[in-house]
């Protein structure tokens, strides 16, 4: 039963990572096309920057959730603080 649970967690994690990379690839391709269109047809006003910056913020948030400060990070930090407190209590005894 434990192995199946670990497998499901690992599978969910791989799916999260795969979705992030798909999001990143879409961002790069679409923004490259928008830059090309903008520079070809209206180079006087760089409107593609609004899309690139807005979507870029979304990419950064997605990255942080997947690789940075997501649920797993929270759990690791909680465990780290618990272990630290246990050590402090043992040192006092």
PDB file of N, CA and C in Angstrom:
ATOM      1  N   UNK A   1       0.831  -1.190   0.000  1.00  0.00           N
ATOM      2  CA  UNK A   1       0.000   0.000   0.000  1.00  0.00           C
ATOM      3  C   UNK A   1       0.878   1.256   0.000  1.00  0.00           C
ATOM      4  N   UNK A   2       1.952   1.237   0.810  1.00  0.00           N
ATOM      5  CA  UNK A   2       2.870   2.365   0.920  1.00  0.00           C
ATOM      6  C   UNK A   2       3.517   2.688  -0.428  1.00  0.00           C
ATOM      7  N   UNK A   3       3.931   1.641  -1.159  1.00  0.00           N
ATOM      8  CA  UNK A   3       4.570   1.839  -2.461  1.00  0.00           C
ATOM      9  C   UNK A   3       3.626   2.511  -3.446  1.00  0.00           C
ATOM     10  N   UNK A   4       2.367   2.130  -3.400  1.00  0.00           N
ATOM     11  CA  UNK A   4       1.393   2.728  -4.315  1.00  0.00           C
ATOM     12  C   UNK A   4       1.219   4.211  -4.006  1.00  0.00           C
ATOM     13  N   UNK A   5       1.182   4.559  -2.720  1.00  0.00           N
ATOM     14  CA  UNK A   5       1.057   5.948  -2.309  1.00  0.00           C
ATOM     15  C   UNK A   5       2.272   6.757  -2.766  1.00  0.00           C
ATOM     16  N   UNK A   6       3.470   6.191  -2.594  1.00  0.00           N
ATOM     17  CA  UNK A   6       4.685   6.861  -3.046  1.00  0.00           C
ATOM     18  C   UNK A   6       4.686   7.044  -4.555  1.00  0.00           C
ATOM     19  N   UNK A   7       4.226   6.022  -5.252  1.00  0.00           N
ATOM     20  CA  UNK A   7       4.151   6.102  -6.711  1.00  0.00           C
ATOM     21  C   UNK A   7       3.204   7.230  -7.137  1.00  0.00           C
ATOM     22  N   UNK A   8       2.058   7.318  -6.503  1.00  0.00           N
ATOM     23  CA  UNK A   8       1.083   8.356  -6.854  1.00  0.00           C
ATOM     24  C   UNK A   8       1.633   9.750  -6.570  1.00  0.00           C
ATOM     25  N   UNK A   9       2.345   9.907  -5.457  1.00  0.00           N
ATOM     26  CA  UNK A   9       2.960  11.201  -5.148  1.00  0.00           C
ATOM     27  C   UNK A   9       4.017  11.557  -6.188  1.00  0.00           C
ATOM     28  N   UNK A  10       4.833  10.582  -6.550  1.00  0.00           N
ATOM     29  CA  UNK A  10       5.880  10.819  -7.545  1.00  0.00           C
ATOM     30  C   UNK A  10       5.263  11.149  -8.897  1.00  0.00           C
ATOM     31  N   UNK A  11       4.214  10.445  -9.248  1.00  0.00           N
ATOM     32  CA  UNK A  11       3.533  10.693 -10.525  1.00  0.00           C
ATOM     33  C   UNK A  11       2.932  12.093 -10.554  1.00  0.00           C
ATOM     34  N   UNK A  12       2.324  12.517  -9.451  1.00  0.00           N
ATOM     35  CA  UNK A  12       1.750  13.856  -9.372  1.00  0.00           C
ATOM     36  C   UNK A  12       2.845  14.915  -9.505  1.00  0.00           C
ATOM     37  N   UNK A  13       3.982  14.656  -8.892  1.00  0.00           N
ATOM     38  CA  UNK A  13       5.106  15.603  -8.962  1.00  0.00           C
ATOM     39  C   UNK A  13       5.635  15.728 -10.382  1.00  0.00           C
ATOM     40  N   UNK A  14       5.771  14.593 -11.062  1.00  0.00           N
ATOM     41  CA  UNK A  14       6.233  14.601 -12.447  1.00  0.00           C
ATOM     42  C   UNK A  14       5.238  15.363 -13.328  1.00  0.00           C
ATOM     43  N   UNK A  15       3.953  15.174 -13.075  1.00  0.00           N
ATOM     44  CA  UNK A  15       2.925  15.891 -13.835  1.00  0.00           C
ATOM     45  C   UNK A  15       3.043  17.396 -13.626  1.00  0.00           C
ATOM     46  N   UNK A  16       3.262  17.824 -12.373  1.00  0.00           N
ATOM     47  CA  UNK A  16       3.446  19.253 -12.084  1.00  0.00           C
ATOM     48  C   UNK A  16       4.637  19.817 -12.861  1.00  0.00           C
ATOM     49  N   UNK A  17       5.738  19.103 -12.859  1.00  0.00           N
ATOM     50  CA  UNK A  17       6.943  19.569 -13.544  1.00  0.00           C
ATOM     51  C   UNK A  17       6.713  19.625 -15.048  1.00  0.00           C
ATOM     52  N   UNK A  18       6.069  18.588 -15.580  1.00  0.00           N
ATOM     53  CA  UNK A  18       5.783  18.543 -17.010  1.00  0.00           C
ATOM     54  C   UNK A  18       4.873  19.697 -17.432  1.00  0.00           C
ATOM     55  N   UNK A  19       3.877  20.000 -16.605  1.00  0.00           N
ATOM     56  CA  UNK A  19       2.973  21.114 -16.903  1.00  0.00           C
ATOM     57  C   UNK A  19       3.710  22.444 -16.881  1.00  0.00           C
ATOM     58  N   UNK A  20       4.647  22.596 -15.956  1.00  0.00           N
ATOM     59  CA  UNK A  20       5.423  23.840 -15.926  1.00  0.00           C
ATOM     60  C   UNK A  20       6.224  23.999 -17.211  1.00  0.00           C
ATOM     61  N   UNK A  21       6.924  22.940 -17.624  1.00  0.00           N
ATOM     62  CA  UNK A  21       7.732  23.042 -18.843  1.00  0.00           C
ATOM     63  C   UNK A  21       6.866  23.277 -20.076  1.00  0.00           C
ATOM     64  N   UNK A  22       5.682  22.703 -20.128  1.00  0.00           N
ATOM     65  CA  UNK A  22       4.764  22.973 -21.235  1.00  0.00           C
ATOM     66  C   UNK A  22       4.361  24.445 -21.236  1.00  0.00           C
ATOM     67  N   UNK A  23       4.081  24.979 -20.060  1.00  0.00           N
ATOM     68  CA  UNK A  23       3.729  26.387 -19.911  1.00  0.00           C
ATOM     69  C   UNK A  23       4.885  27.273 -20.380  1.00  0.00           C
ATOM     70  N   UNK A  24       6.109  26.927 -19.976  1.00  0.00           N
ATOM     71  CA  UNK A  24       7.282  27.704 -20.353  1.00  0.00           C
ATOM     72  C   UNK A  24       7.513  27.669 -21.866  1.00  0.00           C
ATOM     73  N   UNK A  25       7.373  26.507 -22.477  1.00  0.00           N
ATOM     74  CA  UNK A  25       7.561  26.386 -23.927  1.00  0.00           C
ATOM     75  C   UNK A  25       6.511  27.201 -24.670  1.00  0.00           C
ATOM     76  N   UNK A  26       5.260  27.151 -24.216  1.00  0.00           N
ATOM     77  CA  UNK A  26       4.199  27.959 -24.827  1.00  0.00           C
ATOM     78  C   UNK A  26       4.533  29.440 -24.722  1.00  0.00           C
ATOM     79  N   UNK A  27       5.001  29.850 -23.562  1.00  0.00           N
ATOM     80  CA  UNK A  27       5.376  31.243 -23.329  1.00  0.00           C
ATOM     81  C   UNK A  27       6.445  31.686 -24.325  1.00  0.00           C
ATOM     82  N   UNK A  28       7.468  30.887 -24.494  1.00  0.00           N
ATOM     83  CA  UNK A  28       8.571  31.241 -25.389  1.00  0.00           C
ATOM     84  C   UNK A  28       8.099  31.316 -26.839  1.00  0.00           C
ATOM     85  N   UNK A  29       7.364  30.318 -27.285  1.00  0.00           N
ATOM     86  CA  UNK A  29       6.919  30.280 -28.683  1.00  0.00           C
ATOM     87  C   UNK A  29       5.951  31.425 -28.982  1.00  0.00           C
ATOM     88  N   UNK A  30       4.939  31.590 -28.150  1.00  0.00           N
ATOM     89  CA  UNK A  30       3.935  32.634 -28.402  1.00  0.00           C
ATOM     90  C   UNK A  30       4.576  34.015 -28.343  1.00  0.00           C
ATOM     91  N   UNK A  31       5.432  34.247 -27.370  1.00  0.00           N
ATOM     92  CA  UNK A  31       6.064  35.560 -27.274  1.00  0.00           C
ATOM     93  C   UNK A  31       7.020  35.825 -28.428  1.00  0.00           C
ATOM     94  N   UNK A  32       7.703  34.816 -28.919  1.00  0.00           N
ATOM     95  CA  UNK A  32       8.563  34.995 -30.099  1.00  0.00           C
ATOM     96  C   UNK A  32       7.718  35.421 -31.302  1.00  0.00           C
ATOM     97  N   UNK A  33       6.569  34.786 -31.467  1.00  0.00           N
ATOM     98  CA  UNK A  33       5.673  35.147 -32.571  1.00  0.00           C
ATOM     99  C   UNK A  33       5.152  36.572 -32.394  1.00  0.00           C
ATOM    100  N   UNK A  34       4.754  36.919 -31.179  1.00  0.00           N
ATOM    101  CA  UNK A  34       4.246  38.269 -30.922  1.00  0.00           C
ATOM    102  C   UNK A  34       5.322  39.330 -31.138  1.00  0.00           C
ATOM    103  N   UNK A  35       6.550  39.041 -30.738  1.00  0.00           N
ATOM    104  CA  UNK A  35       7.650  39.985 -30.967  1.00  0.00           C
ATOM    105  C   UNK A  35       7.848  40.190 -32.466  1.00  0.00           C
ATOM    106  N   UNK A  36       7.852  39.108 -33.213  1.00  0.00           N
ATOM    107  CA  UNK A  36       8.007  39.195 -34.659  1.00  0.00           C
ATOM    108  C   UNK A  36       6.892  40.041 -35.273  1.00  0.00           C
ATOM    109  N   UNK A  37       5.651  39.749 -34.907  1.00  0.00           N
ATOM    110  CA  UNK A  37       4.514  40.506 -35.454  1.00  0.00           C
ATOM    111  C   UNK A  37       4.629  41.986 -35.083  1.00  0.00           C
ATOM    112  N   UNK A  38       4.917  42.253 -33.830  1.00  0.00           N
ATOM    113  CA  UNK A  38       5.034  43.639 -33.372  1.00  0.00           C
ATOM    114  C   UNK A  38       6.123  44.390 -34.146  1.00  0.00           C
ATOM    115  N   UNK A  39       7.294  43.801 -34.258  1.00  0.00           N
ATOM    116  CA  UNK A  39       8.405  44.481 -34.924  1.00  0.00           C
ATOM    117  C   UNK A  39       8.205  44.613 -36.430  1.00  0.00           C
ATOM    118  N   UNK A  40       7.463  43.702 -37.021  1.00  0.00           N
ATOM    119  CA  UNK A  40       7.195  43.776 -38.462  1.00  0.00           C
ATOM    120  C   UNK A  40       6.142  44.827 -38.807  1.00  0.00           C
ATOM    121  N   UNK A  41       5.086  44.923 -38.006  1.00  0.00           N
ATOM    122  CA  UNK A  41       3.942  45.739 -38.391  1.00  0.00           C
ATOM    123  C   UNK A  41       3.770  47.035 -37.605  1.00  0.00           C
ATOM    124  N   UNK A  42       4.292  47.112 -36.407  1.00  0.00           N
ATOM    125  CA  UNK A  42       4.184  48.363 -35.649  1.00  0.00           C
ATOM    126  C   UNK A  42       5.380  48.542 -34.720  1.00  0.00           C
ATOM    127  N   UNK A  43       6.565  48.732 -35.322  1.00  0.00           N
ATOM    128  CA  UNK A  43       7.781  48.817 -34.500  1.00  0.00           C
ATOM    129  C   UNK A  43       7.853  50.077 -33.635  1.00  0.00           C
ATOM    130  N   UNK A  44       6.994  51.037 -33.898  1.00  0.00           N
ATOM    131  CA  UNK A  44       7.021  52.273 -33.124  1.00  0.00           C
ATOM    132  C   UNK A  44       6.490  52.109 -31.708  1.00  0.00           C
ATOM    133  N   UNK A  45       5.634  51.132 -31.508  1.00  0.00           N
ATOM    134  CA  UNK A  45       5.062  50.886 -30.185  1.00  0.00           C
ATOM    135  C   UNK A  45       5.274  49.417 -29.834  1.00  0.00           C
ATOM    136  N   UNK A  46       6.015  49.158 -28.801  1.00  0.00           N
ATOM    137  CA  UNK A  46       6.360  47.781 -28.424  1.00  0.00           C
ATOM    138  C   UNK A  46       5.295  47.203 -27.483  1.00  0.00           C
ATOM    139  N   UNK A  47       4.145  46.878 -28.040  1.00  0.00           N
ATOM    140  CA  UNK A  47       3.025  46.352 -27.248  1.00  0.00           C
ATOM    141  C   UNK A  47       3.277  44.928 -26.752  1.00  0.00           C
ATOM    142  N   UNK A  48       4.170  44.217 -27.408  1.00  0.00           N
ATOM    143  CA  UNK A  48       4.435  42.833 -26.981  1.00  0.00           C
ATOM    144  C   UNK A  48       4.973  42.775 -25.554  1.00  0.00           C
ATOM    145  N   UNK A  49       5.599  43.894 -25.103  1.00  0.00           N
ATOM    146  CA  UNK A  49       6.147  43.916 -23.744  1.00  0.00           C
ATOM    147  C   UNK A  49       5.073  43.683 -22.686  1.00  0.00           C
ATOM    148  N   UNK A  50       3.869  44.202 -22.907  1.00  0.00           N
ATOM    149  CA  UNK A  50       2.785  44.029 -21.936  1.00  0.00           C
ATOM    150  C   UNK A  50       2.433  42.553 -21.774  1.00  0.00           C
ATOM    151  N   UNK A  51       2.347  41.873 -22.888  1.00  0.00           N
ATOM    152  CA  UNK A  51       2.025  40.438 -22.848  1.00  0.00           C
ATOM    153  C   UNK A  51       3.174  39.662 -22.209  1.00  0.00           C
ATOM    154  N   UNK A  52       4.385  39.975 -22.624  1.00  0.00           N
ATOM    155  CA  UNK A  52       5.562  39.273 -22.121  1.00  0.00           C
ATOM    156  C   UNK A  52       5.720  39.459 -20.616  1.00  0.00           C
ATOM    157  N   UNK A  53       5.541  40.674 -20.143  1.00  0.00           N
ATOM    158  CA  UNK A  53       5.682  40.941 -18.708  1.00  0.00           C
ATOM    159  C   UNK A  53       4.549  40.294 -17.917  1.00  0.00           C
ATOM    160  N   UNK A  54       3.314  40.466 -18.381  1.00  0.00           N
ATOM    161  CA  UNK A  54       2.168  39.890 -17.675  1.00  0.00           C
ATOM    162  C   UNK A  54       2.242  38.376 -17.575  1.00  0.00           C
ATOM    163  N   UNK A  55       2.481  37.756 -18.707  1.00  0.00           N
ATOM    164  CA  UNK A  55       2.572  36.303 -18.732  1.00  0.00           C
ATOM    165  C   UNK A  55       3.827  35.840 -17.994  1.00  0.00           C
ATOM    166  N   UNK A  56       4.888  36.640 -18.067  1.00  0.00           N
ATOM    167  CA  UNK A  56       6.124  36.315 -17.357  1.00  0.00           C
ATOM    168  C   UNK A  56       5.911  36.242 -15.853  1.00  0.00           C
ATOM    169  N   UNK A  57       5.080  37.123 -15.336  1.00  0.00           N
ATOM    170  CA  UNK A  57       4.745  37.072 -13.909  1.00  0.00           C
ATOM    171  C   UNK A  57       4.065  35.741 -13.594  1.00  0.00           C
ATOM    172  N   UNK A  58       3.166  35.318 -14.475  1.00  0.00           N
ATOM    173  CA  UNK A  58       2.508  34.020 -14.298  1.00  0.00           C
ATOM    174  C   UNK A  58       3.496  32.863 -14.330  1.00  0.00           C
ATOM    175  N   UNK A  59       4.469  32.945 -15.215  1.00  0.00           N
ATOM    176  CA  UNK A  59       5.503  31.907 -15.313  1.00  0.00           C
ATOM    177  C   UNK A  59       6.318  31.845 -14.017  1.00  0.00           C
ATOM    178  N   UNK A  60       6.673  33.000 -13.488  1.00  0.00           N
ATOM    179  CA  UNK A  60       7.450  33.039 -12.244  1.00  0.00           C
ATOM    180  C   UNK A  60       6.653  32.431 -11.096  1.00  0.00           C
ATOM    181  N   UNK A  61       5.378  32.773 -11.007  1.00  0.00           N
ATOM    182  CA  UNK A  61       4.523  32.206  -9.955  1.00  0.00           C
ATOM    183  C   UNK A  61       4.420  30.694 -10.109  1.00  0.00           C
ATOM    184  N   UNK A  62       4.231  30.234 -11.336  1.00  0.00           N
ATOM    185  CA  UNK A  62       4.154  28.799 -11.599  1.00  0.00           C
ATOM    186  C   UNK A  62       5.470  28.122 -11.194  1.00  0.00           C
ATOM    187  N   UNK A  63       6.597  28.723 -11.555  1.00  0.00           N
ATOM    188  CA  UNK A  63       7.906  28.175 -11.204  1.00  0.00           C
ATOM    189  C   UNK A  63       8.058  28.045  -9.689  1.00  0.00           C
ATOM    190  N   UNK A  64       7.701  29.099  -8.978  1.00  0.00           N
ATOM    191  CA  UNK A  64       7.827  29.085  -7.516  1.00  0.00           C
ATOM    192  C   UNK A  64       6.955  27.992  -6.910  1.00  0.00           C
ATOM    193  N   UNK A  65       5.744  27.836  -7.434  1.00  0.00           N
ATOM    194  CA  UNK A  65       4.855  26.802  -6.912  1.00  0.00           C
ATOM    195  C   UNK A  65       5.382  25.394  -7.177  1.00  0.00           C
ATOM    196  N   UNK A  66       6.013  25.198  -8.312  1.00  0.00           N
ATOM    197  CA  UNK A  66       6.492  23.863  -8.661  1.00  0.00           C
ATOM    198  C   UNK A  66       7.857  23.567  -8.035  1.00  0.00           C
ATOM    199  N   UNK A  67       8.778  24.524  -8.092  1.00  0.00           N
ATOM    200  CA  UNK A  67      10.154  24.257  -7.667  1.00  0.00           C
ATOM    201  C   UNK A  67      10.578  24.963  -6.386  1.00  0.00           C
ATOM    202  N   UNK A  68       9.830  25.935  -5.966  1.00  0.00           N
ATOM    203  CA  UNK A  68      10.304  26.745  -4.867  1.00  0.00           C
ATOM    204  C   UNK A  68       9.519  26.586  -3.597  1.00  0.00           C
ATOM    205  N   UNK A  69       8.542  27.405  -3.441  1.00  0.00           N
ATOM    206  CA  UNK A  69       7.854  27.518  -2.170  1.00  0.00           C
ATOM    207  C   UNK A  69       6.463  26.889  -2.206  1.00  0.00           C
ATOM    208  N   UNK A  70       6.366  25.747  -2.805  1.00  0.00           N
ATOM    209  CA  UNK A  70       5.098  25.040  -2.862  1.00  0.00           C
ATOM    210  C   UNK A  70       4.844  24.219  -1.611  1.00  0.00           C
ATOM    211  N   UNK A  71       3.921  23.290  -1.716  1.00  0.00           N
ATOM    212  CA  UNK A  71       3.523  22.452  -0.578  1.00  0.00           C
ATOM    213  C   UNK A  71       4.688  21.642  -0.021  1.00  0.00           C
ATOM    214  N   UNK A  72       5.495  21.082  -0.899  1.00  0.00           N
ATOM    215  CA  UNK A  72       6.612  20.261  -0.439  1.00  0.00           C
ATOM    216  C   UNK A  72       7.622  21.099   0.339  1.00  0.00           C
ATOM    217  N   UNK A  73       7.861  22.320  -0.119  1.00  0.00           N
ATOM    218  CA  UNK A  73       8.763  23.204   0.591  1.00  0.00           C
ATOM    219  C   UNK A  73       8.231  23.488   1.987  1.00  0.00           C
ATOM    220  N   UNK A  74       6.919  23.750   2.075  1.00  0.00           N
ATOM    221  CA  UNK A  74       6.303  24.003   3.376  1.00  0.00           C
ATOM    222  C   UNK A  74       6.489  22.813   4.308  1.00  0.00           C
ATOM    223  N   UNK A  75       6.248  21.624   3.792  1.00  0.00           N
ATOM    224  CA  UNK A  75       6.398  20.418   4.611  1.00  0.00           C
ATOM    225  C   UNK A  75       7.839  20.237   5.074  1.00  0.00           C
ATOM    226  N   UNK A  76       8.793  20.472   4.178  1.00  0.00           N
ATOM    227  CA  UNK A  76      10.210  20.351   4.558  1.00  0.00           C
ATOM    228  C   UNK A  76      10.559  21.352   5.649  1.00  0.00           C
ATOM    229  N   UNK A  77      10.079  22.585   5.510  1.00  0.00           N
ATOM    230  CA  UNK A  77      10.363  23.609   6.520  1.00  0.00           C
ATOM    231  C   UNK A  77       9.715  23.257   7.855  1.00  0.00           C
ATOM    232  N   UNK A  78       8.504  22.770   7.829  1.00  0.00           N
ATOM    233  CA  UNK A  78       7.829  22.365   9.065  1.00  0.00           C
ATOM    234  C   UNK A  78       8.638  21.281   9.758  1.00  0.00           C
ATOM    235  N   UNK A  79       9.059  20.273   8.998  1.00  0.00           N
ATOM    236  CA  UNK A  79       9.858  19.191   9.575  1.00  0.00           C
ATOM    237  C   UNK A  79      11.194  19.713  10.106  1.00  0.00           C
ATOM    238  N   UNK A  80      11.788  20.657   9.389  1.00  0.00           N
ATOM    239  CA  UNK A  80      13.044  21.250   9.832  1.00  0.00           C
ATOM    240  C   UNK A  80      12.869  21.961  11.171  1.00  0.00           C
ATOM    241  N   UNK A  81      11.799  22.737  11.312  1.00  0.00           N
ATOM    242  CA  UNK A  81      11.545  23.438  12.572  1.00  0.00           C
ATOM    243  C   UNK A  81      11.234  22.467  13.710  1.00  0.00           C
ATOM    244  N   UNK A  82      10.504  21.418  13.410  1.00  0.00           N
ATOM    245  CA  UNK A  82      10.200  20.404  14.429  1.00  0.00           C
ATOM    246  C   UNK A  82      11.491  19.769  14.919  1.00  0.00           C
ATOM    247  N   UNK A  83      12.360  19.379  13.996  1.00  0.00           N
ATOM    248  CA  UNK A  83      13.633  18.759  14.368  1.00  0.00           C
ATOM    249  C   UNK A  83      14.495  19.720  15.180  1.00  0.00           C
ATOM    250  N   UNK A  84      14.506  20.975  14.786  1.00  0.00           N
ATOM    251  CA  UNK A  84      15.292  21.978  15.515  1.00  0.00           C
ATOM    252  C   UNK A  84      14.787  22.124  16.950  1.00  0.00           C
ATOM    253  N   UNK A  85      13.476  22.174  17.096  1.00  0.00           N
ATOM    254  CA  UNK A  85      12.899  22.297  18.444  1.00  0.00           C
ATOM    255  C   UNK A  85      13.180  21.056  19.289  1.00  0.00           C
ATOM    256  N   UNK A  86      13.123  19.880  18.676  1.00  0.00           N
ATOM    257  CA  UNK A  86      13.436  18.642  19.401  1.00  0.00           C
ATOM    258  C   UNK A  86      14.875  18.664  19.897  1.00  0.00           C
ATOM    259  N   UNK A  87      15.801  19.131  19.036  1.00  0.00           N
ATOM    260  CA  UNK A  87      17.202  19.208  19.442  1.00  0.00           C
ATOM    261  C   UNK A  87      17.403  20.182  20.582  1.00  0.00           C
ATOM    262  N   UNK A  88      16.729  21.315  20.526  1.00  0.00           N
ATOM    263  CA  UNK A  88      16.827  22.312  21.599  1.00  0.00           C
ATOM    264  C   UNK A  88      16.328  21.725  22.918  1.00  0.00           C
ATOM    265  N   UNK A  89      15.213  21.012  22.864  1.00  0.00           N
ATOM    266  CA  UNK A  89      14.668  20.409  24.078  1.00  0.00           C
ATOM    267  C   UNK A  89      15.596  19.326  24.628  1.00  0.00           C
ATOM    268  N   UNK A  90      16.219  18.556  23.745  1.00  0.00           N
ATOM    269  CA  UNK A  90      17.153  17.522  24.196  1.00  0.00           C
ATOM    270  C   UNK A  90      18.397  18.139  24.823  1.00  0.00           C
ATOM    271  N   UNK A  91      18.839  19.261  24.279  1.00  0.00           N
ATOM    272  CA  UNK A  91      20.023  19.932  24.818  1.00  0.00           C
ATOM    273  C   UNK A  91      19.757  20.490  26.210  1.00  0.00           C
ATOM    274  N   UNK A  92      18.543  20.914  26.471  1.00  0.00           N
ATOM    275  CA  UNK A  92      18.181  21.470  27.766  1.00  0.00           C
ATOM    276  C   UNK A  92      18.117  20.391  28.852  1.00  0.00           C
ATOM    277  N   UNK A  93      17.865  19.169  28.458  1.00  0.00           N
ATOM    278  CA  UNK A  93      17.713  18.087  29.451  1.00  0.00           C
ATOM    279  C   UNK A  93      19.005  17.614  29.955  1.00  0.00           C
TER     280      UNK A  93
END
